[in-house]
Amino acid sequence: TVVNDILRESGVKDGDWVTLDQEPWECQTYCFCDECLKAFAEFHHLDHVPTVVEAGADPDKWADFRTMQSMHSLRLLAEMIRDYNPKLKVVDYDYILDYGNLAAERNFRRQCAKDSRKNEEWLAGHLASYYHTVGLAAFMAMKNNVRFLAKLYYPMTGMCGYGDYLRPGEVLTPRQFRQFALAAFVNGCPGWAVYSGTCYDGRHLEWMMKAEDEVARYEHLPWGRADGSAKPVSASDQFASASVIGPDGNETVALFNFDCYSDIDVKLDDNSYRLGPNDVKFVTREG
């Protein structure tokens, strides 16, 4: 009834997103009540109900138990939303995981009892937090997560000033803002999102439109679904690239310089390209 009332008052209509924001952080610190200890024993088929000390002695087992609980909680919410209107799209606010790195995945679940893959059955998409992941790290995270997750993936960056919820180095400049949008685009994300916080520089809107102009020019290509064969080379450790072959047989290559201060040189075939700080260039190779 509460969920129905909230949805009714919000005015959502067919096709709208309903974004869930379940953030079960610090799962090693809650909740060790008798009911949870009993549920933990049942989940792991233990022959007795453990003490708090026993349950906390195996952080991976506790994290798996809590991940299961958060999964069922999210499923329940999704089912209630779809019961209200099956045409609403349930999207979850979730996080970046280093998929394929089993140790990193397990360490993350010790911190936050959530596994995006296990929740995909009930979701239409992911709204992933990139507030604290910027530059080249964000590019690589998008590439990894888009390939491991089956549902639509929208990275969300922050745009407010330092002191709101971002740390030094995480406040994107207008150029970095454009880079973030284009990184999402070439890695196969169908869109991207911004949490503006309390304030932002209006120049970000100008550079957002620059990115959208480039997206419009190259959006007919299957970015993120079929990598091309280009092998651009740069001596900089802040260089990244993505490429895709279009229906005409030509290959489009996106070159990224994630260095905030220096130009970098990139060689592709017999051609050289110079990219300014936080620059992106699109290059066409004839097939």
C-alpha atoms as a PDB file:
ATOM      1  CA  THR A   1       0.000   0.000   0.000  1.00  0.00           C
ATOM      2  CA  VAL A   2       2.813   2.411   0.863  1.00  0.00           C
ATOM      3  CA  VAL A   3       4.610   1.699  -2.421  1.00  0.00           C
ATOM      4  CA  ASN A   4       1.380   2.157  -4.379  1.00  0.00           C
ATOM      5  CA  ASP A   5       0.701   5.475  -2.647  1.00  0.00           C
ATOM      6  CA  ILE A   6       4.218   6.741  -3.385  1.00  0.00           C
ATOM      7  CA  LEU A   7       4.021   5.746  -7.048  1.00  0.00           C
ATOM      8  CA  ARG A   8       0.555   7.219  -7.450  1.00  0.00           C
ATOM      9  CA  GLU A   9       1.571  10.529  -5.911  1.00  0.00           C
ATOM     10  CA  SER A  10       4.738  10.707  -8.022  1.00  0.00           C
ATOM     11  CA  GLY A  11       2.745  10.645 -11.246  1.00  0.00           C
ATOM     12  CA  VAL A  12       4.896   8.016 -12.958  1.00  0.00           C
ATOM     13  CA  LYS A  13       3.570   6.747 -16.261  1.00  0.00           C
ATOM     14  CA  ASP A  14       4.215   3.905 -18.686  1.00  0.00           C
ATOM     15  CA  GLY A  15       7.886   3.544 -19.569  1.00  0.00           C
ATOM     16  CA  ASP A  16       9.162   5.754 -16.735  1.00  0.00           C
ATOM     17  CA  TRP A  17      12.087   4.654 -14.617  1.00  0.00           C
ATOM     18  CA  VAL A  18      11.658   3.881 -10.965  1.00  0.00           C
ATOM     19  CA  THR A  19      15.174   3.923  -9.530  1.00  0.00           C
ATOM     20  CA  LEU A  20      15.903   2.008  -6.359  1.00  0.00           C
ATOM     21  CA  ASP A  21      18.665   3.159  -4.052  1.00  0.00           C
ATOM     22  CA  GLN A  22      19.475   0.328  -1.698  1.00  0.00           C
ATOM     23  CA  GLU A  23      22.956   0.754  -0.232  1.00  0.00           C
ATOM     24  CA  PRO A  24      23.780  -2.082   2.202  1.00  0.00           C
ATOM     25  CA  TRP A  25      27.249  -0.869   3.140  1.00  0.00           C
ATOM     26  CA  GLU A  26      29.257  -2.104   6.148  1.00  0.00           C
ATOM     27  CA  CYS A  27      27.518  -5.475   6.053  1.00  0.00           C
ATOM     28  CA  GLN A  28      30.065  -6.941   8.496  1.00  0.00           C
ATOM     29  CA  THR A  29      28.684  -4.718  11.248  1.00  0.00           C
ATOM     30  CA  TYR A  30      24.934  -5.509  11.117  1.00  0.00           C
ATOM     31  CA  CYS A  31      22.616  -7.106  12.218  1.00  0.00           C
ATOM     32  CA  PHE A  32      23.520  -9.908  14.635  1.00  0.00           C
ATOM     33  CA  CYS A  33      20.140 -10.272  16.297  1.00  0.00           C
ATOM     34  CA  ASP A  34      18.726 -13.723  17.080  1.00  0.00           C
ATOM     35  CA  GLU A  35      16.537 -13.739  13.952  1.00  0.00           C
ATOM     36  CA  CYS A  36      19.446 -12.888  11.667  1.00  0.00           C
ATOM     37  CA  LEU A  37      21.713 -15.484  13.270  1.00  0.00           C
ATOM     38  CA  LYS A  38      19.003 -18.098  12.785  1.00  0.00           C
ATOM     39  CA  ALA A  39      18.512 -17.068   9.134  1.00  0.00           C
ATOM     40  CA  PHE A  40      22.291 -17.161   8.637  1.00  0.00           C
ATOM     41  CA  ALA A  41      22.396 -20.754   9.963  1.00  0.00           C
ATOM     42  CA  GLU A  42      19.538 -21.800   7.660  1.00  0.00           C
ATOM     43  CA  PHE A  43      21.130 -20.148   4.623  1.00  0.00           C
ATOM     44  CA  HIS A  44      24.422 -21.978   5.124  1.00  0.00           C
ATOM     45  CA  HIS A  45      22.818 -25.236   6.407  1.00  0.00           C
ATOM     46  CA  LEU A  46      24.664 -25.082   9.713  1.00  0.00           C
ATOM     47  CA  ASP A  47      23.899 -27.651  12.415  1.00  0.00           C
ATOM     48  CA  HIS A  48      23.415 -24.960  15.047  1.00  0.00           C
ATOM     49  CA  VAL A  49      22.660 -21.269  15.395  1.00  0.00           C
ATOM     50  CA  PRO A  50      26.043 -19.563  15.754  1.00  0.00           C
ATOM     51  CA  THR A  51      27.021 -16.933  18.248  1.00  0.00           C
ATOM     52  CA  VAL A  52      27.844 -13.428  17.085  1.00  0.00           C
ATOM     53  CA  VAL A  53      31.540 -14.259  17.305  1.00  0.00           C
ATOM     54  CA  GLU A  54      31.117 -17.431  15.247  1.00  0.00           C
ATOM     55  CA  ALA A  55      29.071 -15.691  12.566  1.00  0.00           C
ATOM     56  CA  GLY A  56      31.573 -12.848  12.310  1.00  0.00           C
ATOM     57  CA  ALA A  57      34.532 -15.209  12.115  1.00  0.00           C
ATOM     58  CA  ASP A  58      33.819 -15.950   8.438  1.00  0.00           C
ATOM     59  CA  PRO A  59      33.270 -12.586   6.719  1.00  0.00           C
ATOM     60  CA  ASP A  60      32.722 -14.187   3.314  1.00  0.00           C
ATOM     61  CA  LYS A  61      29.894 -16.394   4.552  1.00  0.00           C
ATOM     62  CA  TRP A  62      28.320 -13.419   6.300  1.00  0.00           C
ATOM     63  CA  ALA A  63      28.659 -11.293   3.159  1.00  0.00           C
ATOM     64  CA  ASP A  64      27.058 -14.030   1.029  1.00  0.00           C
ATOM     65  CA  PHE A  65      24.158 -14.207   3.489  1.00  0.00           C
ATOM     66  CA  ARG A  66      23.660 -10.455   3.471  1.00  0.00           C
ATOM     67  CA  THR A  67      23.943 -10.315  -0.330  1.00  0.00           C
ATOM     68  CA  MET A  68      21.141 -12.867  -0.537  1.00  0.00           C
ATOM     69  CA  GLN A  69      19.029 -10.738   1.796  1.00  0.00           C
ATOM     70  CA  SER A  70      19.572  -7.553  -0.190  1.00  0.00           C
ATOM     71  CA  MET A  71      18.793  -9.448  -3.398  1.00  0.00           C
ATOM     72  CA  HIS A  72      15.429 -10.602  -2.043  1.00  0.00           C
ATOM     73  CA  SER A  73      14.688  -7.123  -0.728  1.00  0.00           C
ATOM     74  CA  LEU A  74      15.317  -5.595  -4.154  1.00  0.00           C
ATOM     75  CA  ARG A  75      13.237  -8.302  -5.828  1.00  0.00           C
ATOM     76  CA  LEU A  76      10.328  -7.611  -3.473  1.00  0.00           C
ATOM     77  CA  LEU A  77      10.431  -3.900  -4.280  1.00  0.00           C
ATOM     78  CA  ALA A  78      10.630  -4.607  -8.016  1.00  0.00           C
ATOM     79  CA  GLU A  79       7.653  -6.947  -7.829  1.00  0.00           C
ATOM     80  CA  MET A  80       5.574  -4.385  -5.936  1.00  0.00           C
ATOM     81  CA  ILE A  81       6.424  -1.698  -8.496  1.00  0.00           C
ATOM     82  CA  ARG A  82       5.525  -3.949 -11.416  1.00  0.00           C
ATOM     83  CA  ASP A  83       2.349  -5.029  -9.659  1.00  0.00           C
ATOM     84  CA  TYR A  84       1.356  -1.368  -9.596  1.00  0.00           C
ATOM     85  CA  ASN A  85       2.263  -0.907 -13.276  1.00  0.00           C
ATOM     86  CA  PRO A  86       4.067  -3.629 -15.267  1.00  0.00           C
ATOM     87  CA  LYS A  87       5.161  -1.040 -17.820  1.00  0.00           C
ATOM     88  CA  LEU A  88       7.394   0.813 -15.378  1.00  0.00           C
ATOM     89  CA  LYS A  89      11.127   0.147 -15.687  1.00  0.00           C
ATOM     90  CA  VAL A  90      12.885  -0.745 -12.455  1.00  0.00           C
ATOM     91  CA  VAL A  91      16.482   0.487 -12.420  1.00  0.00           C
ATOM     92  CA  ASP A  92      18.888   0.031  -9.538  1.00  0.00           C
ATOM     93  CA  TYR A  93      21.498   2.474  -8.303  1.00  0.00           C
ATOM     94  CA  ASP A  94      24.512   0.229  -7.891  1.00  0.00           C
ATOM     95  CA  TYR A  95      28.290   0.172  -8.051  1.00  0.00           C
ATOM     96  CA  ILE A  96      31.364  -0.653 -10.092  1.00  0.00           C
ATOM     97  CA  LEU A  97      32.761  -4.138  -9.624  1.00  0.00           C
ATOM     98  CA  ASP A  98      36.009  -5.466 -11.026  1.00  0.00           C
ATOM     99  CA  TYR A  99      34.277  -8.373 -12.724  1.00  0.00           C
ATOM    100  CA  GLY A 100      36.566 -11.277 -13.556  1.00  0.00           C
ATOM    101  CA  ASN A 101      38.712 -10.533 -10.503  1.00  0.00           C
ATOM    102  CA  LEU A 102      37.212 -12.946  -7.987  1.00  0.00           C
ATOM    103  CA  ALA A 103      39.218 -11.606  -5.046  1.00  0.00           C
ATOM    104  CA  ALA A 104      38.104  -8.039  -5.785  1.00  0.00           C
ATOM    105  CA  GLU A 105      34.470  -9.110  -6.191  1.00  0.00           C
ATOM    106  CA  ARG A 106      34.496 -10.922  -2.855  1.00  0.00           C
ATOM    107  CA  ASN A 107      36.232  -8.044  -1.105  1.00  0.00           C
ATOM    108  CA  PHE A 108      33.571  -5.662  -2.418  1.00  0.00           C
ATOM    109  CA  ARG A 109      30.747  -7.847  -1.071  1.00  0.00           C
ATOM    110  CA  ARG A 110      32.411  -7.800   2.343  1.00  0.00           C
ATOM    111  CA  GLN A 111      31.984  -4.022   2.239  1.00  0.00           C
ATOM    112  CA  CYS A 112      28.628  -3.796   0.461  1.00  0.00           C
ATOM    113  CA  ALA A 113      26.243  -6.759   0.367  1.00  0.00           C
ATOM    114  CA  LYS A 114      25.214  -6.344  -3.237  1.00  0.00           C
ATOM    115  CA  ASP A 115      25.910  -8.200  -6.470  1.00  0.00           C
ATOM    116  CA  SER A 116      24.504  -6.486  -9.566  1.00  0.00           C
ATOM    117  CA  ARG A 117      24.532  -9.699 -11.596  1.00  0.00           C
ATOM    118  CA  LYS A 118      22.328 -11.518  -9.099  1.00  0.00           C
ATOM    119  CA  ASN A 119      19.814  -8.688  -9.238  1.00  0.00           C
ATOM    120  CA  GLU A 120      19.535  -8.511 -13.022  1.00  0.00           C
ATOM    121  CA  GLU A 121      16.560 -10.850 -13.222  1.00  0.00           C
ATOM    122  CA  TRP A 122      14.374  -8.129 -11.689  1.00  0.00           C
ATOM    123  CA  LEU A 123      15.942  -5.078 -13.310  1.00  0.00           C
ATOM    124  CA  ALA A 124      15.638  -3.172 -16.560  1.00  0.00           C
ATOM    125  CA  GLY A 125      19.003  -1.508 -16.054  1.00  0.00           C
ATOM    126  CA  HIS A 126      21.780  -0.248 -13.820  1.00  0.00           C
ATOM    127  CA  LEU A 127      22.520   3.323 -12.767  1.00  0.00           C
ATOM    128  CA  ALA A 128      26.114   2.890 -11.630  1.00  0.00           C
ATOM    129  CA  SER A 129      27.941   5.210  -9.241  1.00  0.00           C
ATOM    130  CA  TYR A 130      31.041   6.812 -10.751  1.00  0.00           C
ATOM    131  CA  TYR A 131      31.314   9.666  -8.250  1.00  0.00           C
ATOM    132  CA  HIS A 132      34.682   8.450  -7.006  1.00  0.00           C
ATOM    133  CA  THR A 133      35.940   6.830 -10.217  1.00  0.00           C
ATOM    134  CA  VAL A 134      37.192   9.254 -12.864  1.00  0.00           C
ATOM    135  CA  GLY A 135      39.505   9.457 -15.866  1.00  0.00           C
ATOM    136  CA  LEU A 136      41.145   6.328 -17.233  1.00  0.00           C
ATOM    137  CA  ALA A 137      39.854   4.252 -14.301  1.00  0.00           C
ATOM    138  CA  ALA A 138      36.279   5.192 -15.256  1.00  0.00           C
ATOM    139  CA  PHE A 139      36.894   4.299 -18.903  1.00  0.00           C
ATOM    140  CA  MET A 140      38.193   0.834 -17.992  1.00  0.00           C
ATOM    141  CA  ALA A 141      35.413   0.249 -15.463  1.00  0.00           C
ATOM    142  CA  MET A 142      32.759   1.046 -18.076  1.00  0.00           C
ATOM    143  CA  LYS A 143      34.386  -1.344 -20.535  1.00  0.00           C
ATOM    144  CA  ASN A 144      34.468  -4.131 -17.955  1.00  0.00           C
ATOM    145  CA  ASN A 145      31.003  -3.674 -16.471  1.00  0.00           C
ATOM    146  CA  VAL A 146      29.180  -3.307 -19.789  1.00  0.00           C
ATOM    147  CA  ARG A 147      30.632  -6.636 -20.906  1.00  0.00           C
ATOM    148  CA  PHE A 148      29.760  -8.529 -17.722  1.00  0.00           C
ATOM    149  CA  LEU A 149      26.247  -7.178 -17.164  1.00  0.00           C
ATOM    150  CA  ALA A 150      23.369  -8.090 -19.444  1.00  0.00           C
ATOM    151  CA  LYS A 151      20.992  -5.203 -18.724  1.00  0.00           C
ATOM    152  CA  LEU A 152      21.312  -1.557 -19.794  1.00  0.00           C
ATOM    153  CA  TYR A 153      24.187   0.195 -18.048  1.00  0.00           C
ATOM    154  CA  TYR A 154      24.229   3.926 -17.319  1.00  0.00           C
ATOM    155  CA  PRO A 155      27.292   5.335 -15.505  1.00  0.00           C
ATOM    156  CA  MET A 156      26.501   8.331 -13.304  1.00  0.00           C
ATOM    157  CA  THR A 157      29.110  10.940 -12.470  1.00  0.00           C
ATOM    158  CA  GLY A 158      29.042  13.765  -9.966  1.00  0.00           C
ATOM    159  CA  MET A 159      29.254  17.392 -10.980  1.00  0.00           C
ATOM    160  CA  CYS A 160      29.150  19.449  -7.809  1.00  0.00           C
ATOM    161  CA  GLY A 161      32.076  21.217  -6.186  1.00  0.00           C
ATOM    162  CA  TYR A 162      34.526  19.787  -3.680  1.00  0.00           C
ATOM    163  CA  GLY A 163      33.115  19.641  -0.187  1.00  0.00           C
ATOM    164  CA  ASP A 164      29.625  18.495  -1.173  1.00  0.00           C
ATOM    165  CA  TYR A 165      30.183  14.754  -1.585  1.00  0.00           C
ATOM    166  CA  LEU A 166      33.227  14.626  -3.865  1.00  0.00           C
ATOM    167  CA  ARG A 167      36.861  14.515  -2.833  1.00  0.00           C
ATOM    168  CA  PRO A 168      39.777  16.459  -4.390  1.00  0.00           C
ATOM    169  CA  GLY A 169      40.469  15.177  -7.899  1.00  0.00           C
ATOM    170  CA  GLU A 170      36.909  13.900  -8.362  1.00  0.00           C
ATOM    171  CA  VAL A 171      35.292  17.170  -9.439  1.00  0.00           C
ATOM    172  CA  LEU A 172      35.186  16.971 -13.229  1.00  0.00           C
ATOM    173  CA  THR A 173      36.222  19.968 -15.300  1.00  0.00           C
ATOM    174  CA  PRO A 174      34.065  20.756 -18.345  1.00  0.00           C
ATOM    175  CA  ARG A 175      36.584  18.929 -20.593  1.00  0.00           C
ATOM    176  CA  GLN A 176      36.537  15.905 -18.316  1.00  0.00           C
ATOM    177  CA  PHE A 177      32.760  16.061 -18.373  1.00  0.00           C
ATOM    178  CA  ARG A 178      32.822  15.663 -22.164  1.00  0.00           C
ATOM    179  CA  GLN A 179      35.333  12.842 -21.827  1.00  0.00           C
ATOM    180  CA  PHE A 180      33.139  10.990 -19.372  1.00  0.00           C
ATOM    181  CA  ALA A 181      30.150  11.173 -21.725  1.00  0.00           C
ATOM    182  CA  LEU A 182      32.186   9.970 -24.704  1.00  0.00           C
ATOM    183  CA  ALA A 183      33.814   7.199 -22.671  1.00  0.00           C
ATOM    184  CA  ALA A 184      30.346   5.910 -21.832  1.00  0.00           C
ATOM    185  CA  PHE A 185      29.329   6.191 -25.479  1.00  0.00           C
ATOM    186  CA  VAL A 186      32.241   4.291 -27.039  1.00  0.00           C
ATOM    187  CA  ASN A 187      32.048   1.561 -24.393  1.00  0.00           C
ATOM    188  CA  GLY A 188      28.495   0.731 -25.374  1.00  0.00           C
ATOM    189  CA  CYS A 189      26.481   2.479 -22.656  1.00  0.00           C
ATOM    190  CA  PRO A 190      23.078   3.601 -24.013  1.00  0.00           C
ATOM    191  CA  GLY A 191      23.328   6.772 -21.960  1.00  0.00           C
ATOM    192  CA  TRP A 192      24.902   8.400 -18.952  1.00  0.00           C
ATOM    193  CA  ALA A 193      23.700  10.373 -15.980  1.00  0.00           C
ATOM    194  CA  VAL A 194      24.738  13.232 -13.735  1.00  0.00           C
ATOM    195  CA  TYR A 195      24.095  13.923 -10.090  1.00  0.00           C
ATOM    196  CA  SER A 196      24.582  17.667  -9.853  1.00  0.00           C
ATOM    197  CA  GLY A 197      24.644  18.034  -6.085  1.00  0.00           C
ATOM    198  CA  THR A 198      24.141  21.571  -4.815  1.00  0.00           C
ATOM    199  CA  CYS A 199      25.871  23.545  -7.555  1.00  0.00           C
ATOM    200  CA  TYR A 200      27.820  23.296 -10.800  1.00  0.00           C
ATOM    201  CA  ASP A 201      29.546  25.436 -13.385  1.00  0.00           C
ATOM    202  CA  GLY A 202      27.318  26.293 -16.358  1.00  0.00           C
ATOM    203  CA  ARG A 203      30.248  25.608 -18.712  1.00  0.00           C
ATOM    204  CA  HIS A 204      29.608  21.921 -18.101  1.00  0.00           C
ATOM    205  CA  LEU A 205      26.434  22.264 -20.150  1.00  0.00           C
ATOM    206  CA  GLU A 206      28.396  23.651 -23.093  1.00  0.00           C
ATOM    207  CA  TRP A 207      30.781  20.686 -23.040  1.00  0.00           C
ATOM    208  CA  MET A 208      27.901  18.306 -22.567  1.00  0.00           C
ATOM    209  CA  MET A 209      26.463  19.573 -25.830  1.00  0.00           C
ATOM    210  CA  LYS A 210      29.845  19.163 -27.543  1.00  0.00           C
ATOM    211  CA  ALA A 211      29.776  15.506 -26.492  1.00  0.00           C
ATOM    212  CA  GLU A 212      26.197  15.085 -27.705  1.00  0.00           C
ATOM    213  CA  ASP A 213      27.139  16.507 -31.110  1.00  0.00           C
ATOM    214  CA  GLU A 214      29.816  13.818 -31.440  1.00  0.00           C
ATOM    215  CA  VAL A 215      27.454  11.124 -30.241  1.00  0.00           C
ATOM    216  CA  ALA A 216      24.955  12.159 -32.908  1.00  0.00           C
ATOM    217  CA  ARG A 217      27.671  11.898 -35.551  1.00  0.00           C
ATOM    218  CA  TYR A 218      28.789   8.379 -34.611  1.00  0.00           C
ATOM    219  CA  GLU A 219      25.803   6.795 -32.895  1.00  0.00           C
ATOM    220  CA  HIS A 220      24.913   4.633 -35.909  1.00  0.00           C
ATOM    221  CA  LEU A 221      27.941   2.438 -35.175  1.00  0.00           C
ATOM    222  CA  PRO A 222      27.755  -0.654 -32.903  1.00  0.00           C
ATOM    223  CA  TRP A 223      29.915   0.734 -30.103  1.00  0.00           C
ATOM    224  CA  GLY A 224      30.680  -1.684 -27.306  1.00  0.00           C
ATOM    225  CA  ARG A 225      29.297  -4.697 -29.121  1.00  0.00           C
ATOM    226  CA  ALA A 226      31.942  -5.422 -31.750  1.00  0.00           C
ATOM    227  CA  ASP A 227      35.480  -4.145 -31.261  1.00  0.00           C
ATOM    228  CA  GLY A 228      37.493  -3.165 -34.296  1.00  0.00           C
ATOM    229  CA  SER A 229      41.070  -4.146 -35.118  1.00  0.00           C
ATOM    230  CA  ALA A 230      42.845  -0.788 -34.688  1.00  0.00           C
ATOM    231  CA  LYS A 231      45.926  -0.792 -32.476  1.00  0.00           C
ATOM    232  CA  PRO A 232      46.887   2.815 -31.711  1.00  0.00           C
ATOM    233  CA  VAL A 233      50.113   3.276 -29.756  1.00  0.00           C
ATOM    234  CA  SER A 234      51.116   5.910 -27.211  1.00  0.00           C
ATOM    235  CA  ALA A 235      53.886   6.167 -24.658  1.00  0.00           C
ATOM    236  CA  SER A 236      51.500   7.749 -22.158  1.00  0.00           C
ATOM    237  CA  ASP A 237      49.938   5.642 -19.421  1.00  0.00           C
ATOM    238  CA  GLN A 238      46.929   7.970 -19.583  1.00  0.00           C
ATOM    239  CA  PHE A 239      45.938   6.879 -23.088  1.00  0.00           C
ATOM    240  CA  ALA A 240      42.955   4.696 -23.984  1.00  0.00           C
ATOM    241  CA  SER A 241      41.079   3.930 -27.160  1.00  0.00           C
ATOM    242  CA  ALA A 242      38.022   2.188 -28.534  1.00  0.00           C
ATOM    243  CA  SER A 243      37.192   1.287 -32.102  1.00  0.00           C
ATOM    244  CA  VAL A 244      34.360  -0.195 -34.092  1.00  0.00           C
ATOM    245  CA  ILE A 245      33.779  -1.257 -37.707  1.00  0.00           C
ATOM    246  CA  GLY A 246      30.756   0.239 -39.401  1.00  0.00           C
ATOM    247  CA  PRO A 247      28.438  -1.275 -42.018  1.00  0.00           C
ATOM    248  CA  ASP A 248      30.486   0.375 -44.772  1.00  0.00           C
ATOM    249  CA  GLY A 249      33.593  -1.544 -43.682  1.00  0.00           C
ATOM    250  CA  ASN A 250      35.368   1.554 -42.387  1.00  0.00           C
ATOM    251  CA  GLU A 251      36.662   1.616 -38.840  1.00  0.00           C
ATOM    252  CA  THR A 252      36.150   4.535 -36.466  1.00  0.00           C
ATOM    253  CA  VAL A 253      38.706   4.901 -33.695  1.00  0.00           C
ATOM    254  CA  ALA A 254      38.203   7.038 -30.578  1.00  0.00           C
ATOM    255  CA  LEU A 255      41.446   8.275 -28.989  1.00  0.00           C
ATOM    256  CA  PHE A 256      41.409   9.476 -25.365  1.00  0.00           C
ATOM    257  CA  ASN A 257      43.996  11.486 -23.447  1.00  0.00           C
ATOM    258  CA  PHE A 258      43.138  11.287 -19.750  1.00  0.00           C
ATOM    259  CA  ASP A 259      46.110  13.396 -18.692  1.00  0.00           C
ATOM    260  CA  CYS A 260      44.796  16.624 -17.155  1.00  0.00           C
ATOM    261  CA  TYR A 261      47.961  18.643 -17.825  1.00  0.00           C
ATOM    262  CA  SER A 262      49.948  17.345 -20.805  1.00  0.00           C
ATOM    263  CA  ASP A 263      49.570  16.657 -24.501  1.00  0.00           C
ATOM    264  CA  ILE A 264      50.181  13.116 -25.678  1.00  0.00           C
ATOM    265  CA  ASP A 265      51.145  11.745 -29.083  1.00  0.00           C
ATOM    266  CA  VAL A 266      49.392   8.752 -30.583  1.00  0.00           C
ATOM    267  CA  LYS A 267      50.464   6.742 -33.610  1.00  0.00           C
ATOM    268  CA  LEU A 268      47.894   4.868 -35.659  1.00  0.00           C
ATOM    269  CA  ASP A 269      49.102   3.108 -38.798  1.00  0.00           C
ATOM    270  CA  ASP A 270      51.314   5.662 -40.559  1.00  0.00           C
ATOM    271  CA  ASN A 271      49.625   8.667 -38.989  1.00  0.00           C
ATOM    272  CA  SER A 272      50.396  10.587 -35.810  1.00  0.00           C
ATOM    273  CA  TYR A 273      47.911  12.511 -33.695  1.00  0.00           C
ATOM    274  CA  ARG A 274      48.449  14.949 -30.845  1.00  0.00           C
ATOM    275  CA  LEU A 275      45.793  15.108 -28.158  1.00  0.00           C
ATOM    276  CA  GLY A 276      45.585  17.976 -25.709  1.00  0.00           C
ATOM    277  CA  PRO A 277      44.815  17.487 -22.018  1.00  0.00           C
ATOM    278  CA  ASN A 278      41.529  15.622 -21.512  1.00  0.00           C
ATOM    279  CA  ASP A 279      40.976  15.524 -25.261  1.00  0.00           C
ATOM    280  CA  VAL A 280      39.129  12.993 -27.429  1.00  0.00           C
ATOM    281  CA  LYS A 281      39.570  12.559 -31.177  1.00  0.00           C
ATOM    282  CA  PHE A 282      37.643  10.344 -33.579  1.00  0.00           C
ATOM    283  CA  VAL A 283      39.631   8.998 -36.527  1.00  0.00           C
ATOM    284  CA  THR A 284      38.335   7.032 -39.525  1.00  0.00           C
ATOM    285  CA  ARG A 285      40.290   4.190 -41.115  1.00  0.00           C
ATOM    286  CA  GLU A 286      39.127   3.108 -44.541  1.00  0.00           C
ATOM    287  CA  GLY A 287      38.356  -0.592 -44.813  1.00  0.00           C
END
